[in-house]
Protein backbone atom coordinates (compact mmCIF):
# COMPACT_ATOMS: atom_id res chain seq x y z
CA MET A 1 101.89 -11.23 -92.72
CA ASN A 2 99.95 -12.42 -95.56
CA GLU A 3 102.86 -14.06 -97.25
CA ASN A 4 103.76 -15.76 -94.18
CA SER A 5 100.27 -16.86 -93.78
CA GLU A 6 100.17 -18.12 -97.38
CA ASP A 7 103.44 -19.84 -96.95
CA THR A 8 102.27 -21.52 -93.88
CA SER A 9 98.94 -22.47 -95.42
CA GLN A 10 100.46 -24.25 -98.38
CA PRO A 11 102.34 -26.78 -96.43
CA VAL A 12 99.21 -27.22 -94.40
CA VAL A 13 97.23 -27.98 -97.51
CA GLU A 14 99.85 -30.28 -98.71
CA ALA A 15 99.90 -31.95 -95.41
CA SER A 16 96.17 -32.28 -95.47
CA VAL A 17 96.34 -33.64 -99.03
CA GLU A 18 98.94 -36.07 -97.98
CA THR A 19 96.92 -36.86 -94.94
CA ALA A 20 93.81 -37.28 -97.06
CA THR A 21 95.78 -39.36 -99.52
CA ALA A 22 97.06 -41.45 -96.68
CA ALA A 23 93.62 -41.58 -95.02
CA ALA A 24 91.87 -42.71 -98.19
CA PRO A 25 93.29 -46.23 -98.10
CA ALA A 26 92.62 -46.28 -94.43
CA ARG A 27 89.01 -45.35 -95.02
CA SER A 28 88.75 -47.89 -97.80
CA ARG A 29 90.11 -50.54 -95.55
CA ALA A 30 87.80 -49.48 -92.76
CA SER A 31 84.82 -49.54 -95.07
CA GLY A 32 85.87 -53.00 -96.29
CA TRP A 33 85.98 -54.15 -92.80
CA LEU A 34 82.68 -52.50 -92.19
CA TRP A 35 81.11 -54.12 -95.22
CA GLY A 36 82.56 -57.46 -94.20
CA LEU A 37 81.19 -56.98 -90.79
CA VAL A 38 77.83 -56.03 -92.27
CA ILE A 39 77.93 -59.08 -94.50
CA VAL A 40 78.88 -61.28 -91.57
CA LEU A 41 76.16 -59.75 -89.49
CA GLY A 42 73.69 -60.19 -92.31
CA ALA A 43 74.73 -63.77 -92.74
CA GLY A 44 74.47 -64.29 -89.03
CA LEU A 45 71.12 -62.61 -89.05
CA ALA A 46 70.03 -64.75 -91.97
CA ILE A 47 71.29 -67.86 -90.29
CA GLY A 48 69.66 -66.79 -87.03
CA ALA A 49 66.46 -65.99 -88.85
CA TRP A 50 66.61 -69.33 -90.58
CA PHE A 51 67.32 -71.04 -87.28
CA VAL A 52 64.55 -69.08 -85.60
CA HIS A 53 62.28 -69.97 -88.48
CA GLN A 54 63.17 -73.65 -88.07
CA GLN A 55 62.64 -73.40 -84.34
CA LEU A 56 59.33 -71.68 -84.93
CA ARG A 57 58.34 -74.38 -87.42
CA GLN A 58 59.40 -77.05 -84.94
CA ALA A 59 57.58 -75.14 -82.20
CA GLU A 60 54.51 -74.96 -84.40
CA ARG A 61 54.78 -78.66 -85.16
CA GLY A 62 55.31 -79.31 -81.44
CA ASP A 63 52.38 -77.08 -80.61
CA ALA A 64 50.27 -78.96 -83.10
CA GLU A 65 51.36 -82.26 -81.61
CA TRP A 66 50.73 -80.93 -78.12
CA ARG A 67 47.34 -79.65 -79.21
CA GLU A 68 46.57 -83.06 -80.67
CA THR A 69 47.84 -84.67 -77.47
CA VAL A 70 45.81 -82.21 -75.42
CA GLU A 71 42.76 -82.91 -77.53
CA ALA A 72 43.35 -86.62 -77.16
CA LEU A 73 43.81 -86.17 -73.42
CA ARG A 74 40.67 -84.05 -73.26
CA ALA A 75 38.83 -86.78 -75.14
CA GLU A 76 40.22 -89.37 -72.76
CA ILE A 77 39.39 -87.17 -69.78
CA ALA A 78 35.87 -86.78 -71.13
CA ALA A 79 35.65 -90.54 -71.58
CA LEU A 80 37.02 -91.02 -68.08
CA ASP A 81 34.48 -88.52 -66.78
CA ARG A 82 31.75 -90.46 -68.47
CA GLU A 83 33.14 -93.69 -67.06
CA LEU A 84 33.39 -92.05 -63.64
CA ASP A 85 29.81 -90.93 -63.90
CA ALA A 86 28.82 -94.42 -64.95
CA ASN A 87 30.91 -95.85 -62.11
CA ARG A 88 29.33 -93.42 -59.68
CA GLU A 89 25.93 -94.52 -60.89
CA ARG A 90 26.92 -98.14 -60.55
CA GLN A 91 28.40 -97.37 -57.15
CA ARG A 92 25.14 -95.78 -56.07
CA GLN A 93 23.30 -98.83 -57.35
CA ILE A 94 25.77 -101.10 -55.60
CA GLU A 95 25.44 -99.07 -52.40
CA ALA A 96 21.67 -99.32 -52.68
CA ARG A 97 21.96 -103.05 -53.26
CA MET A 98 24.45 -103.32 -50.38
CA GLY A 99 22.01 -101.45 -48.18
CA ASP A 100 19.28 -103.87 -49.18
CA SER A 101 21.68 -106.78 -48.71
CA ALA A 102 22.74 -105.41 -45.30
CA ALA A 103 19.10 -105.17 -44.26
CA GLY A 104 18.53 -108.69 -45.55
CA LEU A 105 21.69 -109.87 -43.78
CA ARG A 106 20.50 -108.29 -40.54
CA VAL A 107 17.24 -110.16 -40.88
CA VAL A 108 19.14 -113.35 -41.75
CA ARG A 109 21.54 -112.75 -38.85
CA GLU A 110 18.63 -112.33 -36.46
CA GLU A 111 17.11 -115.52 -37.84
CA VAL A 112 20.44 -117.32 -37.55
CA LEU A 113 20.85 -116.08 -33.98
CA GLY A 114 17.34 -117.25 -33.23
CA MET A 115 18.09 -120.60 -34.83
CA ALA A 116 21.37 -120.81 -32.90
CA GLU A 117 19.54 -120.07 -29.67
CA ARG A 118 16.91 -122.66 -30.50
CA ALA A 119 19.65 -125.12 -31.46
CA THR A 120 21.37 -124.42 -28.15
CA ARG A 121 18.16 -125.09 -26.28
CA VAL A 122 17.61 -128.25 -28.30
CA GLU A 123 21.18 -129.37 -27.54
CA GLU A 124 20.64 -128.66 -23.86
CA ALA A 125 17.40 -130.59 -23.93
CA ILE A 126 19.08 -133.46 -25.78
CA ALA A 127 21.99 -133.39 -23.31
CA ALA A 128 19.53 -133.41 -20.42
CA LEU A 129 17.62 -136.30 -21.99
CA SER A 130 20.86 -138.15 -22.69
CA GLN A 131 22.03 -137.59 -19.13
CA ALA A 132 18.64 -138.66 -17.82
CA ARG A 133 18.80 -141.72 -20.05
CA GLN A 134 22.30 -142.53 -18.84
CA ASP A 135 21.22 -142.01 -15.25
CA ALA A 136 18.17 -144.18 -15.80
CA ALA A 137 20.28 -146.88 -17.46
CA LEU A 138 22.81 -146.69 -14.62
CA THR A 139 20.04 -146.84 -12.03
CA LEU A 140 18.48 -149.85 -13.77
CA ARG A 141 21.81 -151.66 -13.91
CA LEU A 142 22.47 -150.88 -10.26
CA ASP A 143 19.01 -152.18 -9.36
CA ASP A 144 19.74 -155.38 -11.29
CA LEU A 145 23.13 -155.66 -9.62
CA GLU A 146 21.62 -155.20 -6.17
CA LEU A 147 18.93 -157.77 -6.93
CA LEU A 148 21.50 -160.32 -8.11
CA LEU A 149 23.65 -159.80 -5.03
CA GLN A 150 20.62 -160.12 -2.77
CA GLN A 151 19.50 -163.29 -4.56
CA ALA A 152 22.99 -164.77 -4.22
CA GLN A 153 23.00 -163.99 -0.51
CA LEU A 154 19.56 -165.50 0.05
CA ARG A 155 20.31 -168.55 -2.08
CA SER A 156 23.51 -169.27 -0.24
CA ASN A 157 22.57 -168.44 3.34
CA LEU A 158 18.91 -169.44 3.47
CA LEU A 159 18.53 -172.19 0.89
CA ALA A 160 22.15 -173.42 0.81
CA ASP A 161 21.97 -173.42 -2.99
CA HIS A 162 25.61 -172.59 -3.61
CA ALA A 163 25.43 -173.32 -7.32
CA ALA A 164 22.59 -170.82 -7.81
CA ALA A 165 24.45 -168.30 -5.65
CA GLU A 166 27.57 -168.74 -7.79
CA ARG A 167 25.56 -168.19 -10.97
CA ALA A 168 24.00 -165.06 -9.48
CA LEU A 169 27.44 -163.71 -8.52
CA ALA A 170 28.76 -164.47 -12.03
CA HIS A 171 25.87 -162.51 -13.57
CA ALA A 172 26.54 -159.71 -11.08
CA ALA A 173 30.23 -159.59 -12.08
CA ALA A 174 29.31 -159.41 -15.78
CA LEU A 175 26.79 -156.65 -15.09
CA LEU A 176 29.32 -154.73 -12.97
CA ALA A 177 31.82 -154.89 -15.84
CA GLN A 178 29.26 -153.14 -18.09
CA ILE A 179 28.91 -150.15 -15.74
CA ASP A 180 31.04 -147.29 -17.07
CA ASP A 181 30.99 -145.24 -13.89
CA PRO A 182 34.48 -145.59 -12.35
CA ALA A 183 33.09 -144.98 -8.86
CA TYR A 184 31.52 -148.45 -8.84
CA SER A 185 34.68 -150.21 -10.03
CA VAL A 186 35.74 -150.59 -6.38
CA LEU A 187 33.00 -153.20 -5.98
CA ARG A 188 34.85 -155.67 -8.18
CA VAL A 189 37.36 -156.62 -5.49
CA PRO A 190 34.84 -157.62 -2.77
CA LEU A 191 32.69 -159.34 -5.38
CA GLU A 192 35.61 -161.50 -6.52
CA GLN A 193 36.43 -162.23 -2.88
CA GLU A 194 32.85 -163.38 -2.27
CA ARG A 195 33.00 -165.61 -5.35
CA ALA A 196 36.27 -167.14 -4.15
CA ALA A 197 34.87 -167.64 -0.65
CA LEU A 198 31.75 -169.27 -2.06
CA ALA A 199 33.86 -171.60 -4.21
CA GLU A 200 35.85 -172.71 -1.14
CA LEU A 201 32.78 -173.72 0.87
CA GLY A 202 32.17 -177.34 1.64
CA PRO A 203 28.86 -179.16 1.29
CA ASP A 204 25.91 -177.69 3.12
CA PRO A 205 24.99 -179.76 6.20
CA ARG A 206 21.35 -178.74 6.22
CA PRO A 207 20.06 -181.30 3.70
CA SER A 208 21.54 -184.17 5.74
CA LEU A 209 20.25 -182.65 8.99
CA ARG A 210 16.83 -182.23 7.45
CA GLN A 211 16.86 -185.87 6.34
CA GLN A 212 17.96 -187.13 9.76
CA VAL A 213 15.31 -185.18 11.66
CA SER A 214 12.62 -186.21 9.18
CA GLY A 215 13.67 -189.83 9.63
CA LEU A 216 13.54 -189.35 13.40
CA ILE A 217 9.94 -188.17 13.11
CA ASP A 218 9.15 -191.29 11.09
CA ILE A 219 10.61 -193.68 13.71
CA LEU A 220 8.92 -192.03 16.70
CA PRO A 221 5.87 -194.31 16.60
CA GLY A 222 8.14 -197.40 16.88
CA LEU A 223 10.08 -196.29 19.97
CA ALA A 224 9.55 -198.32 23.17
CA TRP A 225 7.96 -196.44 26.05
CA GLN A 226 9.65 -196.35 29.40
CA GLN A 227 7.94 -198.63 31.97
CA PRO A 228 7.90 -198.17 35.80
CA ALA A 229 9.80 -200.73 37.86
CA ASP A 230 6.71 -202.19 39.57
CA ALA A 231 4.31 -201.69 36.71
CA LEU A 232 2.15 -204.50 35.44
CA PRO A 233 3.02 -205.96 32.07
CA GLU A 234 1.23 -204.58 29.13
CA ASP A 235 -0.61 -207.84 28.45
CA ALA A 236 -2.18 -207.86 31.96
CA PRO A 237 -5.96 -207.70 32.18
CA ALA A 238 -7.48 -204.31 32.21
CA VAL A 239 -9.17 -204.92 35.59
CA LEU A 240 -5.83 -205.59 37.24
CA LYS A 241 -4.38 -202.52 35.68
CA LEU A 242 -7.31 -200.49 36.95
CA PHE A 243 -7.07 -201.88 40.51
CA ASP A 244 -3.30 -201.49 40.41
CA ARG A 245 -3.69 -197.82 39.70
CA LEU A 246 -6.39 -197.40 42.32
CA VAL A 247 -4.65 -199.19 45.16
CA LYS A 248 -1.08 -197.83 44.83
CA VAL A 249 -0.63 -194.46 46.35
CA ARG A 250 2.93 -193.22 46.22
CA ARG A 251 4.93 -190.34 44.77
CA VAL A 252 6.60 -191.22 41.50
CA SER A 253 8.40 -189.16 38.91
CA ASP A 254 7.04 -188.43 35.45
CA SER A 255 9.23 -191.13 33.96
CA GLN A 256 7.88 -193.71 36.40
CA MET A 257 4.22 -192.93 35.76
CA ALA A 258 2.17 -195.30 33.64
CA LEU A 259 0.73 -193.31 30.74
CA SER A 260 -2.56 -193.98 29.12
CA PRO A 261 -2.70 -194.41 25.32
CA LEU A 262 -4.19 -190.96 24.97
CA GLU A 263 -1.38 -189.40 26.99
CA ARG A 264 1.20 -191.35 25.00
CA ALA A 265 -0.30 -190.16 21.75
CA SER A 266 -0.34 -186.57 22.97
CA ARG A 267 3.27 -186.81 24.18
CA ARG A 268 4.37 -188.33 20.87
CA ALA A 269 2.49 -185.62 18.97
CA SER A 270 4.22 -183.00 21.13
CA ILE A 271 7.64 -184.45 20.25
CA GLU A 272 6.72 -184.56 16.57
CA LEU A 273 5.56 -180.94 16.74
CA THR A 274 8.82 -179.95 18.45
CA LEU A 275 10.83 -181.67 15.71
CA ALA A 276 8.66 -180.00 13.05
CA LEU A 277 9.40 -176.64 14.67
CA ALA A 278 13.11 -177.52 14.54
CA LEU A 279 12.77 -178.26 10.83
CA ALA A 280 11.06 -174.89 10.35
CA ALA A 281 13.92 -173.18 12.18
CA LEU A 282 16.33 -175.10 9.94
CA GLU A 283 14.60 -173.74 6.83
CA THR A 284 14.70 -170.15 8.10
CA GLY A 285 18.28 -170.45 9.33
CA ASP A 286 17.44 -169.69 12.95
CA GLU A 287 20.18 -171.68 14.65
CA ALA A 288 19.11 -170.72 18.19
CA ALA A 289 15.54 -171.94 17.67
CA TRP A 290 16.87 -175.04 15.89
CA LYS A 291 19.02 -176.06 18.84
CA HIS A 292 16.32 -175.14 21.38
CA HIS A 293 13.72 -177.39 19.76
CA LEU A 294 16.21 -180.23 19.33
CA LYS A 295 17.19 -180.08 23.00
CA ARG A 296 13.56 -180.05 24.05
CA ALA A 297 12.78 -183.03 21.83
CA ARG A 298 15.82 -184.88 23.24
CA GLU A 299 14.67 -184.27 26.81
CA ASP A 300 11.19 -185.58 26.00
CA ILE A 301 12.56 -188.67 24.24
CA VAL A 302 14.93 -189.47 27.13
CA LEU A 303 12.09 -188.90 29.62
CA LEU A 304 9.36 -190.88 27.89
CA PHE A 305 11.06 -193.71 25.98
CA ASP A 306 13.18 -196.62 27.14
CA PRO A 307 16.86 -195.54 27.16
CA SER A 308 18.02 -199.13 26.91
CA ALA A 309 16.34 -199.58 23.53
CA SER A 310 18.70 -199.33 20.58
CA ALA A 311 16.24 -197.20 18.58
CA VAL A 312 15.97 -194.69 21.43
CA THR A 313 19.77 -194.60 21.78
CA ALA A 314 20.15 -193.99 18.03
CA ALA A 315 17.53 -191.21 18.14
CA VAL A 316 19.36 -189.51 21.04
CA GLN A 317 22.66 -189.78 19.18
CA ILE A 318 21.08 -188.24 16.08
CA LEU A 319 19.80 -185.34 18.16
CA ASP A 320 23.15 -184.84 19.90
CA GLU A 321 25.02 -184.72 16.58
CA ALA A 322 22.45 -182.32 15.14
CA ILE A 323 22.79 -180.04 18.17
CA ARG A 324 26.60 -179.99 17.93
CA GLN A 325 26.81 -179.42 14.18
CA PRO A 326 26.43 -175.83 12.89
CA LEU A 327 23.86 -175.13 10.24
CA ARG A 328 26.34 -173.90 7.67
CA PRO A 329 30.11 -174.19 7.23
CA ASP A 330 32.36 -171.47 8.55
CA GLY A 331 33.94 -168.93 6.24
CA GLN A 332 30.88 -168.01 4.25
CA ALA A 333 30.64 -164.22 4.31
CA LEU A 334 28.30 -163.08 1.56
CA GLY A 335 26.76 -159.61 1.63
CA THR A 336 29.85 -157.36 1.75
CA THR A 337 29.41 -156.18 -1.84
CA LEU A 338 25.70 -155.66 -1.30
CA ARG A 339 26.28 -153.47 1.76
CA GLU A 340 28.94 -151.38 -0.02
CA LEU A 341 26.68 -150.93 -3.04
CA ARG A 342 23.78 -149.74 -0.90
CA ALA A 343 26.05 -147.36 1.01
CA MET A 344 27.40 -145.85 -2.24
CA ARG A 345 23.93 -145.42 -3.70
CA ALA A 346 22.68 -143.78 -0.50
CA THR A 347 25.68 -141.41 -0.49
CA ARG A 348 25.09 -140.43 -4.11
CA ALA A 349 21.40 -139.91 -3.48
CA VAL A 350 22.18 -137.58 -0.58
CA GLY A 351 24.78 -135.72 -2.68
CA ALA A 352 22.30 -135.29 -5.53
CA GLY A 353 19.73 -133.78 -3.17
CA ALA A 354 17.41 -136.77 -3.22
CA LEU A 355 16.33 -138.67 -0.18
CA PRO A 356 18.01 -142.03 0.24
CA ASN A 357 16.05 -145.24 0.33
CA LEU A 358 14.87 -145.41 3.91
CA GLU A 359 13.44 -148.88 3.53
CA PRO A 360 15.13 -151.09 6.13
CA ALA A 361 17.51 -153.58 4.63
CA PRO A 362 17.27 -157.25 5.55
CA GLN A 363 18.97 -158.13 8.79
CA ALA A 364 22.52 -158.98 7.77
CA GLU A 365 23.25 -160.77 11.01
CA ALA A 366 20.23 -163.01 10.68
CA VAL A 367 21.26 -163.90 7.15
CA GLU A 368 24.94 -164.38 7.77
CA ARG A 369 24.50 -166.10 11.11
CA PRO A 370 21.45 -168.33 10.82
């Protein structure tokens, strides 16, 4: 058993020696690989350490730069804080000044508003004064216009002074052109019509009529008295005339009565007074009174004076022509513009709340139809 065990153990030893001999190169190779790996690891560790060291150095340099940057930023932030504090202080000062300025502006605004209100009142007062001045100027011009129209009417219708009436109407037209109110522009048409109508008038007959009647008054003392058929001649003695009047008793008419010198003088004075009244009616333009006095004077002349005498016939003819002739030529119609102007002024016065002029206007009919 032992031999067998020895025999079996020897090959085992030899196998182990061979195995150890074969494993030795394997272990040497494995250790070489191990040492190479260790060397590689060491180199890697060295390189990593060096890299880490470089990174650390860079990190330290970066930290230093960041610290410097941070310090610089802190310094800037501190400076900014100081500037902010200074700005806040300035802002507080500015706000205080703005508050003072706002208070001052409120006072100024109140003053400006007061001045604006006063200026508005002054403007209103000036506008009122200007309007009053314009109204006064317009009223004055209208008064002048009315006066000129009235003067033209009186000059033409009463005095027959057509030249003066034309001048008055020309002044009225110039004054009407200066009136800016368009409401009164409608008066220009009737005014021009009146001027044209006045220019077309013929000569006024009143001066010639006045001259004829005045001449008739002058020739009255030279007219021959009418004598009765059986009357004594004028050169008969006074005694015969007295007895002739005492003895004859018969009814005779007024034209056949023998008049005494006193009666003749009174009758002549009555005729002269009648003709003077006719001249007065001629001056006033009263055509009815003019014709009435002329007819009465004609009747007295025909009744008292000798109709066969040429002077008496001429006097009667003068009276007949004067009775037939109108006092002024037809077609003269002044006063239209004056009536329209007065109506417009009265309407405006009523519209403005004022009482119109209640003073009666001159009688238009008496003026236009003398």
